[in-house]
Amino acid sequence: MMEIKEIVIKVSIMFILFFAFIDAEKEFHAIVAQDGSGDYTTISHAVEAAPNQSPTRWKIKIKAGVYMEHVTVEEHKQNLALIGEGADVTIITDNRSFRKQGYGILDSATLDVKGSNFIGKYLTFNNSAGPEGGQAVALKVSANYSSFYKCNINGYQDTLLVDKGYQFFRECTIFGTVDFIFGSAPVVFQNCDIKVHRAGGVLTAQSKGNATIGKSGMSFHNCYIKTAQDFNSNTSSSSTFLGRPWVDHATVVFMESFLDDIINPLGWDTMGIGVLPGDSIFYGEYMNFGPGSGMEKRVAWAKPGKLNGTQAEDFSVRNLIDGNYWLPYTEIPYRLDLIHKKSD
């Protein structure tokens, strides 16, 4: 009797798990699978088939595979979510670049997001052009209220273009060498790994366009800045800069983050030899740690430099991107405020 009871229990559990799996599949409006087991075999076709101006979230599951595509989420494709099975196994890749095919930064992105309220989870966005390709964007985001969770964004020069609109990246890994996080959007990177492929580069190239653009700036909060696995250890260390201004107006802060010894003690660079940025530059650091976090040798023009708690709070999820209003609807974890606030 006990054996029969155990069999019944096991069968019941199997049925529960099976129907839980079916219910999980039903959570998605479309499934992309290269082997034909889903609704579409390409991501582009699934995105094109999504409703225009959808008032509710439209979820597309992307099964494991390497998808060699250039994908555009047009402006009328709102509330779209692309959800992979893991950044290590669901990979979107292309090789558009400036040097090889003549593509500029606005049209080389492997994934180009224009539709607002976009979500990307458990995916890799890769541009395989390599260092020989020059400017080669893996991800371009020009959409308000865009968020990414546990994604890899991989390239060399100009990897990630945060163009415009409130943006949030949580637990993502971003790879590059030269100006590989750039753009004008107000954006927070939280609990992210920023990994450098080669020495002698620059992490950020922020541009506000003009001094009156309104909210704009890059905030790196509780991030880890370190070398990628393929980093050439024979090159000089401490030669990577935190950022340089794309134009005269730029805002970048690193807060409560780990800075490895790859960071140049000067901290910040210019776009040209002998060209000093103007007073509209805002480069700040707050309670960072690690061998590259020392501020004693930082360039004098990078102001305000060391931030107090009140200044740092302006670059939190709550204040820079108004995260308390829209992030609760993304099902992505976030921290609204600083981990530690020093008294001013």
C-alpha atoms as a PDB file:
ATOM      1  CA  MET A   1       0.000   0.000   0.000  1.00  0.00           C
ATOM      2  CA  MET A   2       2.852   2.355   0.835  1.00  0.00           C
ATOM      3  CA  GLU A   3       4.449   1.718  -2.582  1.00  0.00           C
ATOM      4  CA  ILE A   4       1.164   2.526  -4.356  1.00  0.00           C
ATOM      5  CA  LYS A   5       0.801   5.664  -2.251  1.00  0.00           C
ATOM      6  CA  GLU A   6       4.353   6.767  -3.156  1.00  0.00           C
ATOM      7  CA  ILE A   7       3.656   6.148  -6.852  1.00  0.00           C
ATOM      8  CA  VAL A   8       0.461   8.196  -6.652  1.00  0.00           C
ATOM      9  CA  ILE A   9       2.338  11.036  -4.944  1.00  0.00           C
ATOM     10  CA  LYS A  10       5.133  10.959  -7.538  1.00  0.00           C
ATOM     11  CA  VAL A  11       2.675  10.923 -10.426  1.00  0.00           C
ATOM     12  CA  SER A  12       0.771  13.795  -8.838  1.00  0.00           C
ATOM     13  CA  ILE A  13       3.982  15.800  -8.522  1.00  0.00           C
ATOM     14  CA  MET A  14       4.834  15.066 -12.167  1.00  0.00           C
ATOM     15  CA  PHE A  15       1.416  16.325 -13.255  1.00  0.00           C
ATOM     16  CA  ILE A  16       1.813  19.458 -11.127  1.00  0.00           C
ATOM     17  CA  LEU A  17       5.247  20.160 -12.620  1.00  0.00           C
ATOM     18  CA  PHE A  18       3.979  19.476 -16.147  1.00  0.00           C
ATOM     19  CA  PHE A  19       1.059  21.854 -15.859  1.00  0.00           C
ATOM     20  CA  ALA A  20       3.243  24.418 -14.110  1.00  0.00           C
ATOM     21  CA  PHE A  21       5.510  24.250 -17.155  1.00  0.00           C
ATOM     22  CA  ILE A  22       2.526  24.645 -19.478  1.00  0.00           C
ATOM     23  CA  ASP A  23       1.313  27.620 -17.448  1.00  0.00           C
ATOM     24  CA  ALA A  24       4.795  29.135 -17.600  1.00  0.00           C
ATOM     25  CA  GLU A  25       4.765  28.764 -21.370  1.00  0.00           C
ATOM     26  CA  LYS A  26       1.367  30.464 -21.479  1.00  0.00           C
ATOM     27  CA  GLU A  27       2.894  33.486 -19.761  1.00  0.00           C
ATOM     28  CA  PHE A  28       4.462  34.292 -23.110  1.00  0.00           C
ATOM     29  CA  HIS A  29       2.570  35.640 -26.089  1.00  0.00           C
ATOM     30  CA  ALA A  30       5.118  34.225 -28.527  1.00  0.00           C
ATOM     31  CA  ILE A  31       8.047  31.812 -28.442  1.00  0.00           C
ATOM     32  CA  VAL A  32      11.117  31.974 -30.661  1.00  0.00           C
ATOM     33  CA  ALA A  33      13.016  28.734 -31.242  1.00  0.00           C
ATOM     34  CA  GLN A  34      15.524  27.997 -33.975  1.00  0.00           C
ATOM     35  CA  ASP A  35      14.474  24.357 -34.169  1.00  0.00           C
ATOM     36  CA  GLY A  36      10.909  25.243 -35.150  1.00  0.00           C
ATOM     37  CA  SER A  37       9.343  24.213 -31.843  1.00  0.00           C
ATOM     38  CA  GLY A  38       8.077  27.748 -31.166  1.00  0.00           C
ATOM     39  CA  ASP A  39       5.927  30.263 -33.000  1.00  0.00           C
ATOM     40  CA  TYR A  40       8.852  31.854 -34.855  1.00  0.00           C
ATOM     41  CA  THR A  41      12.394  30.901 -35.794  1.00  0.00           C
ATOM     42  CA  THR A  42      13.755  34.465 -35.776  1.00  0.00           C
ATOM     43  CA  ILE A  43      13.499  37.231 -33.203  1.00  0.00           C
ATOM     44  CA  SER A  44      12.831  39.842 -35.874  1.00  0.00           C
ATOM     45  CA  HIS A  45       9.696  38.060 -37.088  1.00  0.00           C
ATOM     46  CA  ALA A  46       8.377  37.744 -33.540  1.00  0.00           C
ATOM     47  CA  VAL A  47       8.967  41.444 -32.887  1.00  0.00           C
ATOM     48  CA  GLU A  48       7.322  42.457 -36.166  1.00  0.00           C
ATOM     49  CA  ALA A  49       4.250  40.357 -35.304  1.00  0.00           C
ATOM     50  CA  ALA A  50       3.814  41.960 -31.874  1.00  0.00           C
ATOM     51  CA  PRO A  51       0.880  44.397 -31.642  1.00  0.00           C
ATOM     52  CA  ASN A  52       1.488  48.091 -32.226  1.00  0.00           C
ATOM     53  CA  GLN A  53       1.037  50.481 -29.291  1.00  0.00           C
ATOM     54  CA  SER A  54       0.219  47.583 -26.970  1.00  0.00           C
ATOM     55  CA  PRO A  55      -1.253  48.942 -23.704  1.00  0.00           C
ATOM     56  CA  THR A  56      -0.052  45.869 -21.801  1.00  0.00           C
ATOM     57  CA  ARG A  57       3.160  43.886 -21.645  1.00  0.00           C
ATOM     58  CA  TRP A  58       3.791  41.650 -24.680  1.00  0.00           C
ATOM     59  CA  LYS A  59       6.239  38.913 -23.684  1.00  0.00           C
ATOM     60  CA  ILE A  60       8.366  37.031 -26.192  1.00  0.00           C
ATOM     61  CA  LYS A  61      10.348  34.058 -24.963  1.00  0.00           C
ATOM     62  CA  ILE A  62      13.586  33.387 -26.844  1.00  0.00           C
ATOM     63  CA  LYS A  63      14.847  29.856 -26.418  1.00  0.00           C
ATOM     64  CA  ALA A  64      18.529  28.990 -26.228  1.00  0.00           C
ATOM     65  CA  GLY A  65      20.514  29.525 -29.397  1.00  0.00           C
ATOM     66  CA  VAL A  66      22.819  31.884 -31.245  1.00  0.00           C
ATOM     67  CA  TYR A  67      20.604  34.198 -33.281  1.00  0.00           C
ATOM     68  CA  MET A  68      22.592  35.949 -36.002  1.00  0.00           C
ATOM     69  CA  GLU A  69      20.283  38.913 -36.547  1.00  0.00           C
ATOM     70  CA  HIS A  70      20.022  42.680 -36.591  1.00  0.00           C
ATOM     71  CA  VAL A  71      16.875  43.342 -34.556  1.00  0.00           C
ATOM     72  CA  THR A  72      14.973  46.636 -34.373  1.00  0.00           C
ATOM     73  CA  VAL A  73      12.164  47.348 -31.930  1.00  0.00           C
ATOM     74  CA  GLU A  74      10.387  50.210 -33.669  1.00  0.00           C
ATOM     75  CA  GLU A  75       8.826  53.134 -31.826  1.00  0.00           C
ATOM     76  CA  HIS A  76       5.300  51.756 -32.236  1.00  0.00           C
ATOM     77  CA  LYS A  77       6.284  48.451 -30.592  1.00  0.00           C
ATOM     78  CA  GLN A  78       5.659  49.512 -27.009  1.00  0.00           C
ATOM     79  CA  ASN A  79       5.571  47.402 -23.832  1.00  0.00           C
ATOM     80  CA  LEU A  80       7.647  44.665 -25.436  1.00  0.00           C
ATOM     81  CA  ALA A  81       9.656  42.182 -23.362  1.00  0.00           C
ATOM     82  CA  LEU A  82      12.337  39.901 -24.815  1.00  0.00           C
ATOM     83  CA  ILE A  83      13.162  37.153 -22.335  1.00  0.00           C
ATOM     84  CA  GLY A  84      15.875  34.580 -22.949  1.00  0.00           C
ATOM     85  CA  GLU A  85      16.768  31.370 -21.162  1.00  0.00           C
ATOM     86  CA  GLY A  86      20.038  32.774 -19.829  1.00  0.00           C
ATOM     87  CA  ALA A  87      22.652  35.193 -21.094  1.00  0.00           C
ATOM     88  CA  ASP A  88      25.111  32.336 -21.592  1.00  0.00           C
ATOM     89  CA  VAL A  89      22.775  30.402 -23.889  1.00  0.00           C
ATOM     90  CA  THR A  90      20.474  32.931 -25.590  1.00  0.00           C
ATOM     91  CA  ILE A  91      22.697  35.117 -27.735  1.00  0.00           C
ATOM     92  CA  ILE A  92      21.785  37.753 -30.319  1.00  0.00           C
ATOM     93  CA  THR A  93      24.788  38.646 -32.461  1.00  0.00           C
ATOM     94  CA  ASP A  94      25.707  40.679 -35.519  1.00  0.00           C
ATOM     95  CA  ASN A  95      28.894  42.243 -36.907  1.00  0.00           C
ATOM     96  CA  ARG A  96      27.961  45.671 -38.250  1.00  0.00           C
ATOM     97  CA  SER A  97      30.777  48.190 -37.805  1.00  0.00           C
ATOM     98  CA  PHE A  98      32.145  51.434 -39.144  1.00  0.00           C
ATOM     99  CA  ARG A  99      35.482  50.252 -40.491  1.00  0.00           C
ATOM    100  CA  LYS A 100      34.309  47.034 -42.108  1.00  0.00           C
ATOM    101  CA  GLN A 101      30.935  47.974 -43.636  1.00  0.00           C
ATOM    102  CA  GLY A 102      30.636  51.725 -43.054  1.00  0.00           C
ATOM    103  CA  TYR A 103      27.835  51.560 -40.482  1.00  0.00           C
ATOM    104  CA  GLY A 104      27.754  54.477 -38.048  1.00  0.00           C
ATOM    105  CA  ILE A 105      26.873  54.376 -34.374  1.00  0.00           C
ATOM    106  CA  LEU A 106      23.186  55.000 -35.098  1.00  0.00           C
ATOM    107  CA  ASP A 107      22.716  52.008 -37.391  1.00  0.00           C
ATOM    108  CA  SER A 108      25.258  49.377 -36.333  1.00  0.00           C
ATOM    109  CA  ALA A 109      23.511  48.070 -33.205  1.00  0.00           C
ATOM    110  CA  THR A 110      22.735  44.363 -32.989  1.00  0.00           C
ATOM    111  CA  LEU A 111      19.588  45.314 -31.045  1.00  0.00           C
ATOM    112  CA  ASP A 112      18.112  48.768 -31.634  1.00  0.00           C
ATOM    113  CA  VAL A 113      15.352  49.630 -29.138  1.00  0.00           C
ATOM    114  CA  LYS A 114      13.031  52.552 -29.950  1.00  0.00           C
ATOM    115  CA  GLY A 115       9.721  51.420 -28.400  1.00  0.00           C
ATOM    116  CA  SER A 116       9.061  52.669 -24.870  1.00  0.00           C
ATOM    117  CA  ASN A 117       8.619  50.436 -21.799  1.00  0.00           C
ATOM    118  CA  PHE A 118      10.986  47.814 -23.195  1.00  0.00           C
ATOM    119  CA  ILE A 119      12.340  44.986 -21.046  1.00  0.00           C
ATOM    120  CA  GLY A 120      15.262  42.680 -21.840  1.00  0.00           C
ATOM    121  CA  LYS A 121      16.110  39.731 -19.588  1.00  0.00           C
ATOM    122  CA  TYR A 122      18.560  36.820 -19.635  1.00  0.00           C
ATOM    123  CA  LEU A 123      20.054  37.693 -23.038  1.00  0.00           C
ATOM    124  CA  THR A 124      23.409  38.462 -24.626  1.00  0.00           C
ATOM    125  CA  PHE A 125      23.662  41.295 -27.141  1.00  0.00           C
ATOM    126  CA  ASN A 126      26.900  40.879 -29.051  1.00  0.00           C
ATOM    127  CA  ASN A 127      28.693  42.768 -31.797  1.00  0.00           C
ATOM    128  CA  SER A 128      31.373  40.462 -33.160  1.00  0.00           C
ATOM    129  CA  ALA A 129      33.200  43.074 -35.281  1.00  0.00           C
ATOM    130  CA  GLY A 130      36.081  43.041 -32.803  1.00  0.00           C
ATOM    131  CA  PRO A 131      38.670  45.774 -32.273  1.00  0.00           C
ATOM    132  CA  GLU A 132      39.370  45.904 -36.015  1.00  0.00           C
ATOM    133  CA  GLY A 133      35.818  47.076 -36.684  1.00  0.00           C
ATOM    134  CA  GLY A 134      36.141  50.367 -34.826  1.00  0.00           C
ATOM    135  CA  GLN A 135      32.782  51.762 -33.765  1.00  0.00           C
ATOM    136  CA  ALA A 136      30.443  48.780 -33.488  1.00  0.00           C
ATOM    137  CA  VAL A 137      27.388  48.980 -31.243  1.00  0.00           C
ATOM    138  CA  ALA A 138      25.907  45.886 -29.601  1.00  0.00           C
ATOM    139  CA  LEU A 139      22.892  47.599 -28.004  1.00  0.00           C
ATOM    140  CA  LYS A 140      21.303  50.976 -28.730  1.00  0.00           C
ATOM    141  CA  VAL A 141      18.451  52.208 -26.541  1.00  0.00           C
ATOM    142  CA  SER A 142      16.396  55.262 -27.538  1.00  0.00           C
ATOM    143  CA  ALA A 143      13.280  54.329 -25.584  1.00  0.00           C
ATOM    144  CA  ASN A 144      11.857  55.789 -22.403  1.00  0.00           C
ATOM    145  CA  TYR A 145      11.417  53.496 -19.376  1.00  0.00           C
ATOM    146  CA  SER A 146      13.699  50.753 -20.703  1.00  0.00           C
ATOM    147  CA  SER A 147      15.160  48.146 -18.372  1.00  0.00           C
ATOM    148  CA  PHE A 148      17.570  45.233 -18.648  1.00  0.00           C
ATOM    149  CA  TYR A 149      18.201  42.412 -16.199  1.00  0.00           C
ATOM    150  CA  LYS A 150      20.968  39.806 -16.173  1.00  0.00           C
ATOM    151  CA  CYS A 151      22.049  40.566 -19.719  1.00  0.00           C
ATOM    152  CA  ASN A 152      25.515  40.553 -21.303  1.00  0.00           C
ATOM    153  CA  ILE A 153      26.381  43.403 -23.664  1.00  0.00           C
ATOM    154  CA  ASN A 154      29.573  42.668 -25.547  1.00  0.00           C
ATOM    155  CA  GLY A 155      31.706  44.725 -27.914  1.00  0.00           C
ATOM    156  CA  TYR A 156      34.929  46.720 -28.070  1.00  0.00           C
ATOM    157  CA  GLN A 157      34.422  50.333 -29.152  1.00  0.00           C
ATOM    158  CA  ASP A 158      31.037  51.986 -28.513  1.00  0.00           C
ATOM    159  CA  THR A 159      29.415  48.820 -27.158  1.00  0.00           C
ATOM    160  CA  LEU A 160      26.345  50.376 -25.526  1.00  0.00           C
ATOM    161  CA  LEU A 161      24.583  53.525 -26.729  1.00  0.00           C
ATOM    162  CA  VAL A 162      22.204  54.845 -24.075  1.00  0.00           C
ATOM    163  CA  ASP A 163      20.695  57.399 -26.406  1.00  0.00           C
ATOM    164  CA  LYS A 164      17.657  58.872 -24.647  1.00  0.00           C
ATOM    165  CA  GLY A 165      14.854  58.105 -22.205  1.00  0.00           C
ATOM    166  CA  TYR A 166      14.997  56.818 -18.627  1.00  0.00           C
ATOM    167  CA  GLN A 167      16.997  53.566 -18.540  1.00  0.00           C
ATOM    168  CA  PHE A 168      17.951  50.989 -15.919  1.00  0.00           C
ATOM    169  CA  PHE A 169      20.449  48.120 -16.037  1.00  0.00           C
ATOM    170  CA  ARG A 170      20.552  45.628 -13.179  1.00  0.00           C
ATOM    171  CA  GLU A 171      23.050  42.756 -12.760  1.00  0.00           C
ATOM    172  CA  CYS A 172      24.229  43.108 -16.335  1.00  0.00           C
ATOM    173  CA  THR A 173      27.781  42.593 -17.632  1.00  0.00           C
ATOM    174  CA  ILE A 174      29.074  45.121 -20.142  1.00  0.00           C
ATOM    175  CA  PHE A 175      32.286  44.493 -22.080  1.00  0.00           C
ATOM    176  CA  GLY A 176      34.388  46.940 -24.071  1.00  0.00           C
ATOM    177  CA  THR A 177      37.542  48.982 -24.439  1.00  0.00           C
ATOM    178  CA  VAL A 178      37.015  52.475 -25.893  1.00  0.00           C
ATOM    179  CA  ASP A 179      34.087  54.769 -24.988  1.00  0.00           C
ATOM    180  CA  PHE A 180      32.048  51.617 -24.654  1.00  0.00           C
ATOM    181  CA  ILE A 181      29.207  53.126 -22.641  1.00  0.00           C
ATOM    182  CA  PHE A 182      28.095  56.362 -24.278  1.00  0.00           C
ATOM    183  CA  GLY A 183      25.085  58.565 -24.948  1.00  0.00           C
ATOM    184  CA  SER A 184      22.853  61.225 -23.402  1.00  0.00           C
ATOM    185  CA  ALA A 185      20.174  59.283 -21.511  1.00  0.00           C
ATOM    186  CA  PRO A 186      19.591  59.451 -17.759  1.00  0.00           C
ATOM    187  CA  VAL A 187      20.638  55.921 -16.817  1.00  0.00           C
ATOM    188  CA  VAL A 188      21.511  53.921 -13.711  1.00  0.00           C
ATOM    189  CA  PHE A 189      23.704  50.828 -13.804  1.00  0.00           C
ATOM    190  CA  GLN A 190      23.129  48.942 -10.558  1.00  0.00           C
ATOM    191  CA  ASN A 191      24.988  45.814  -9.398  1.00  0.00           C
ATOM    192  CA  CYS A 192      26.569  45.542 -12.849  1.00  0.00           C
ATOM    193  CA  ASP A 193      30.000  44.271 -13.911  1.00  0.00           C
ATOM    194  CA  ILE A 194      31.886  46.580 -16.281  1.00  0.00           C
ATOM    195  CA  LYS A 195      34.673  44.552 -17.880  1.00  0.00           C
ATOM    196  CA  VAL A 196      37.574  45.858 -19.948  1.00  0.00           C
ATOM    197  CA  HIS A 197      38.955  43.810 -22.859  1.00  0.00           C
ATOM    198  CA  ARG A 198      42.129  45.849 -23.424  1.00  0.00           C
ATOM    199  CA  ALA A 199      44.218  48.388 -21.544  1.00  0.00           C
ATOM    200  CA  GLY A 200      44.432  52.023 -22.561  1.00  0.00           C
ATOM    201  CA  GLY A 201      40.716  52.593 -23.011  1.00  0.00           C
ATOM    202  CA  VAL A 202      37.888  54.698 -21.623  1.00  0.00           C
ATOM    203  CA  LEU A 203      34.750  53.397 -19.926  1.00  0.00           C
ATOM    204  CA  THR A 204      32.286  56.215 -20.647  1.00  0.00           C
ATOM    205  CA  ALA A 205      31.672  59.023 -23.136  1.00  0.00           C
ATOM    206  CA  GLN A 206      28.624  60.878 -21.876  1.00  0.00           C
ATOM    207  CA  SER A 207      27.032  63.776 -23.724  1.00  0.00           C
ATOM    208  CA  LYS A 208      24.229  66.032 -22.583  1.00  0.00           C
ATOM    209  CA  GLY A 209      24.149  67.741 -25.979  1.00  0.00           C
ATOM    210  CA  ASN A 210      23.684  71.099 -24.285  1.00  0.00           C
ATOM    211  CA  ALA A 211      23.559  72.477 -20.770  1.00  0.00           C
ATOM    212  CA  THR A 212      19.759  72.819 -20.720  1.00  0.00           C
ATOM    213  CA  ILE A 213      18.786  69.317 -21.834  1.00  0.00           C
ATOM    214  CA  GLY A 214      17.302  68.508 -18.414  1.00  0.00           C
ATOM    215  CA  LYS A 215      17.908  65.218 -16.620  1.00  0.00           C
ATOM    216  CA  SER A 216      20.890  63.456 -18.124  1.00  0.00           C
ATOM    217  CA  GLY A 217      23.797  61.482 -16.801  1.00  0.00           C
ATOM    218  CA  MET A 218      25.275  58.067 -16.100  1.00  0.00           C
ATOM    219  CA  SER A 219      25.207  56.635 -12.597  1.00  0.00           C
ATOM    220  CA  PHE A 220      27.149  53.487 -11.707  1.00  0.00           C
ATOM    221  CA  HIS A 221      25.876  52.245  -8.356  1.00  0.00           C
ATOM    222  CA  ASN A 222      27.340  49.243  -6.538  1.00  0.00           C
ATOM    223  CA  CYS A 223      29.106  48.110  -9.711  1.00  0.00           C
ATOM    224  CA  TYR A 224      32.382  46.255 -10.235  1.00  0.00           C
ATOM    225  CA  ILE A 225      34.899  47.695 -12.708  1.00  0.00           C
ATOM    226  CA  LYS A 226      37.478  45.075 -13.635  1.00  0.00           C
ATOM    227  CA  THR A 227      39.196  43.218 -16.468  1.00  0.00           C
ATOM    228  CA  ALA A 228      37.558  40.748 -18.815  1.00  0.00           C
ATOM    229  CA  GLN A 229      38.820  37.188 -18.995  1.00  0.00           C
ATOM    230  CA  ASP A 230      40.633  37.906 -22.284  1.00  0.00           C
ATOM    231  CA  PHE A 231      42.437  40.967 -20.893  1.00  0.00           C
ATOM    232  CA  ASN A 232      46.086  41.089 -21.984  1.00  0.00           C
ATOM    233  CA  SER A 233      48.031  41.090 -18.736  1.00  0.00           C
ATOM    234  CA  ASN A 234      51.254  41.997 -20.589  1.00  0.00           C
ATOM    235  CA  THR A 235      49.979  45.505 -21.298  1.00  0.00           C
ATOM    236  CA  SER A 236      50.411  48.317 -18.815  1.00  0.00           C
ATOM    237  CA  SER A 237      47.961  48.319 -15.948  1.00  0.00           C
ATOM    238  CA  SER A 238      46.246  51.370 -14.466  1.00  0.00           C
ATOM    239  CA  SER A 239      45.673  52.798 -17.935  1.00  0.00           C
ATOM    240  CA  THR A 240      41.889  52.823 -18.291  1.00  0.00           C
ATOM    241  CA  PHE A 241      39.980  56.045 -17.655  1.00  0.00           C
ATOM    242  CA  LEU A 242      36.571  56.300 -16.027  1.00  0.00           C
ATOM    243  CA  GLY A 243      35.343  58.588 -18.776  1.00  0.00           C
ATOM    244  CA  ARG A 244      35.819  61.494 -21.114  1.00  0.00           C
ATOM    245  CA  PRO A 245      33.254  64.056 -22.258  1.00  0.00           C
ATOM    246  CA  TRP A 246      31.779  63.356 -25.677  1.00  0.00           C
ATOM    247  CA  VAL A 247      31.055  67.091 -26.030  1.00  0.00           C
ATOM    248  CA  ASP A 248      31.287  70.073 -23.680  1.00  0.00           C
ATOM    249  CA  HIS A 249      28.504  68.911 -21.365  1.00  0.00           C
ATOM    250  CA  ALA A 250      28.821  65.579 -19.563  1.00  0.00           C
ATOM    251  CA  THR A 251      27.671  64.000 -16.285  1.00  0.00           C
ATOM    252  CA  VAL A 252      29.008  60.700 -14.891  1.00  0.00           C
ATOM    253  CA  VAL A 253      29.208  59.416 -11.322  1.00  0.00           C
ATOM    254  CA  PHE A 254      30.539  56.225  -9.753  1.00  0.00           C
ATOM    255  CA  MET A 255      28.998  55.447  -6.364  1.00  0.00           C
ATOM    256  CA  GLU A 256      29.704  52.689  -3.841  1.00  0.00           C
ATOM    257  CA  SER A 257      31.477  50.718  -6.566  1.00  0.00           C
ATOM    258  CA  PHE A 258      34.630  48.615  -6.799  1.00  0.00           C
ATOM    259  CA  LEU A 259      37.343  50.099  -9.012  1.00  0.00           C
ATOM    260  CA  ASP A 260      40.141  47.674  -9.825  1.00  0.00           C
ATOM    261  CA  ASP A 261      43.764  48.635 -10.437  1.00  0.00           C
ATOM    262  CA  ILE A 262      43.136  49.032 -14.171  1.00  0.00           C
ATOM    263  CA  ILE A 263      41.818  52.553 -13.464  1.00  0.00           C
ATOM    264  CA  ASN A 264      44.284  55.331 -14.245  1.00  0.00           C
ATOM    265  CA  PRO A 265      45.018  57.345 -11.078  1.00  0.00           C
ATOM    266  CA  LEU A 266      44.130  60.513 -13.028  1.00  0.00           C
ATOM    267  CA  GLY A 267      40.608  59.131 -13.313  1.00  0.00           C
ATOM    268  CA  TRP A 268      39.282  61.127 -16.254  1.00  0.00           C
ATOM    269  CA  ASP A 269      40.487  61.950 -19.762  1.00  0.00           C
ATOM    270  CA  THR A 270      39.763  64.520 -22.473  1.00  0.00           C
ATOM    271  CA  MET A 271      38.762  64.031 -26.105  1.00  0.00           C
ATOM    272  CA  GLY A 272      41.950  65.673 -27.363  1.00  0.00           C
ATOM    273  CA  ILE A 273      45.439  66.564 -26.218  1.00  0.00           C
ATOM    274  CA  GLY A 274      45.480  70.000 -24.650  1.00  0.00           C
ATOM    275  CA  VAL A 275      41.691  70.340 -24.834  1.00  0.00           C
ATOM    276  CA  LEU A 276      40.361  70.910 -21.322  1.00  0.00           C
ATOM    277  CA  PRO A 277      36.615  70.503 -20.720  1.00  0.00           C
ATOM    278  CA  GLY A 278      34.597  73.497 -19.591  1.00  0.00           C
ATOM    279  CA  ASP A 279      32.767  74.162 -16.340  1.00  0.00           C
ATOM    280  CA  SER A 280      29.693  72.201 -17.455  1.00  0.00           C
ATOM    281  CA  ILE A 281      31.413  68.874 -16.755  1.00  0.00           C
ATOM    282  CA  PHE A 282      30.111  66.962 -13.718  1.00  0.00           C
ATOM    283  CA  TYR A 283      32.356  64.022 -12.817  1.00  0.00           C
ATOM    284  CA  GLY A 284      31.802  62.640  -9.337  1.00  0.00           C
ATOM    285  CA  GLU A 285      32.807  59.735  -7.102  1.00  0.00           C
ATOM    286  CA  TYR A 286      31.217  58.613  -3.857  1.00  0.00           C
ATOM    287  CA  MET A 287      32.425  55.984  -1.380  1.00  0.00           C
ATOM    288  CA  ASN A 288      34.050  53.761  -3.986  1.00  0.00           C
ATOM    289  CA  PHE A 289      36.545  51.104  -2.946  1.00  0.00           C
ATOM    290  CA  GLY A 290      39.284  48.953  -4.440  1.00  0.00           C
ATOM    291  CA  PRO A 291      42.823  49.710  -5.666  1.00  0.00           C
ATOM    292  CA  GLY A 292      41.620  52.101  -8.379  1.00  0.00           C
ATOM    293  CA  SER A 293      39.388  54.195  -6.141  1.00  0.00           C
ATOM    294  CA  GLY A 294      42.024  56.520  -4.686  1.00  0.00           C
ATOM    295  CA  MET A 295      41.306  60.145  -5.611  1.00  0.00           C
ATOM    296  CA  GLU A 296      44.586  61.790  -4.614  1.00  0.00           C
ATOM    297  CA  LYS A 297      45.845  62.075  -8.209  1.00  0.00           C
ATOM    298  CA  ARG A 298      42.549  62.780  -9.986  1.00  0.00           C
ATOM    299  CA  VAL A 299      42.709  65.567 -12.588  1.00  0.00           C
ATOM    300  CA  ALA A 300      41.822  68.961 -11.163  1.00  0.00           C
ATOM    301  CA  TRP A 301      39.263  69.824 -13.861  1.00  0.00           C
ATOM    302  CA  ALA A 302      37.061  66.796 -13.057  1.00  0.00           C
ATOM    303  CA  LYS A 303      34.608  68.470 -10.724  1.00  0.00           C
ATOM    304  CA  PRO A 304      33.058  68.235  -8.256  1.00  0.00           C
ATOM    305  CA  GLY A 305      35.179  65.110  -7.758  1.00  0.00           C
ATOM    306  CA  LYS A 306      34.463  63.728  -4.303  1.00  0.00           C
ATOM    307  CA  LEU A 307      30.713  63.858  -3.646  1.00  0.00           C
ATOM    308  CA  ASN A 308      28.923  64.250  -0.352  1.00  0.00           C
ATOM    309  CA  GLY A 309      25.846  62.221   0.516  1.00  0.00           C
ATOM    310  CA  THR A 310      23.361  64.826  -0.657  1.00  0.00           C
ATOM    311  CA  GLN A 311      25.081  65.187  -4.028  1.00  0.00           C
ATOM    312  CA  ALA A 312      25.273  61.422  -4.468  1.00  0.00           C
ATOM    313  CA  GLU A 313      21.569  61.001  -3.730  1.00  0.00           C
ATOM    314  CA  ASP A 314      20.774  62.981  -6.871  1.00  0.00           C
ATOM    315  CA  PHE A 315      22.086  60.024  -8.883  1.00  0.00           C
ATOM    316  CA  SER A 316      20.128  57.271  -7.167  1.00  0.00           C
ATOM    317  CA  VAL A 317      17.471  55.196  -8.910  1.00  0.00           C
ATOM    318  CA  ARG A 318      14.837  57.245  -7.119  1.00  0.00           C
ATOM    319  CA  ASN A 319      16.116  60.650  -8.193  1.00  0.00           C
ATOM    320  CA  LEU A 320      17.943  60.295 -11.519  1.00  0.00           C
ATOM    321  CA  ILE A 321      15.422  58.076 -13.320  1.00  0.00           C
ATOM    322  CA  ASP A 322      12.319  58.350 -11.103  1.00  0.00           C
ATOM    323  CA  GLY A 323      12.551  54.598 -10.608  1.00  0.00           C
ATOM    324  CA  ASN A 324       9.954  54.444  -7.849  1.00  0.00           C
ATOM    325  CA  TYR A 325       7.260  55.308 -10.412  1.00  0.00           C
ATOM    326  CA  TRP A 326       7.975  52.751 -13.144  1.00  0.00           C
ATOM    327  CA  LEU A 327      10.411  50.045 -12.047  1.00  0.00           C
ATOM    328  CA  PRO A 328       7.824  48.217  -9.865  1.00  0.00           C
ATOM    329  CA  TYR A 329       6.061  47.203 -13.089  1.00  0.00           C
ATOM    330  CA  THR A 330       9.162  45.580 -14.614  1.00  0.00           C
ATOM    331  CA  GLU A 331       9.543  42.622 -12.217  1.00  0.00           C
ATOM    332  CA  ILE A 332      13.218  43.563 -11.943  1.00  0.00           C
ATOM    333  CA  PRO A 333      14.851  44.039  -8.507  1.00  0.00           C
ATOM    334  CA  TYR A 334      16.217  47.488  -7.715  1.00  0.00           C
ATOM    335  CA  ARG A 335      17.480  49.643  -4.879  1.00  0.00           C
ATOM    336  CA  LEU A 336      15.984  53.120  -4.793  1.00  0.00           C
ATOM    337  CA  ASP A 337      18.606  54.811  -2.626  1.00  0.00           C
ATOM    338  CA  LEU A 338      22.248  54.702  -1.574  1.00  0.00           C
ATOM    339  CA  ILE A 339      23.579  51.791   0.461  1.00  0.00           C
ATOM    340  CA  HIS A 340      25.374  54.187   2.804  1.00  0.00           C
ATOM    341  CA  LYS A 341      24.877  57.877   3.194  1.00  0.00           C
ATOM    342  CA  LYS A 342      27.633  59.874   4.825  1.00  0.00           C
ATOM    343  CA  SER A 343      26.665  62.937   6.770  1.00  0.00           C
ATOM    344  CA  ASP A 344      27.473  66.065   4.786  1.00  0.00           C
END
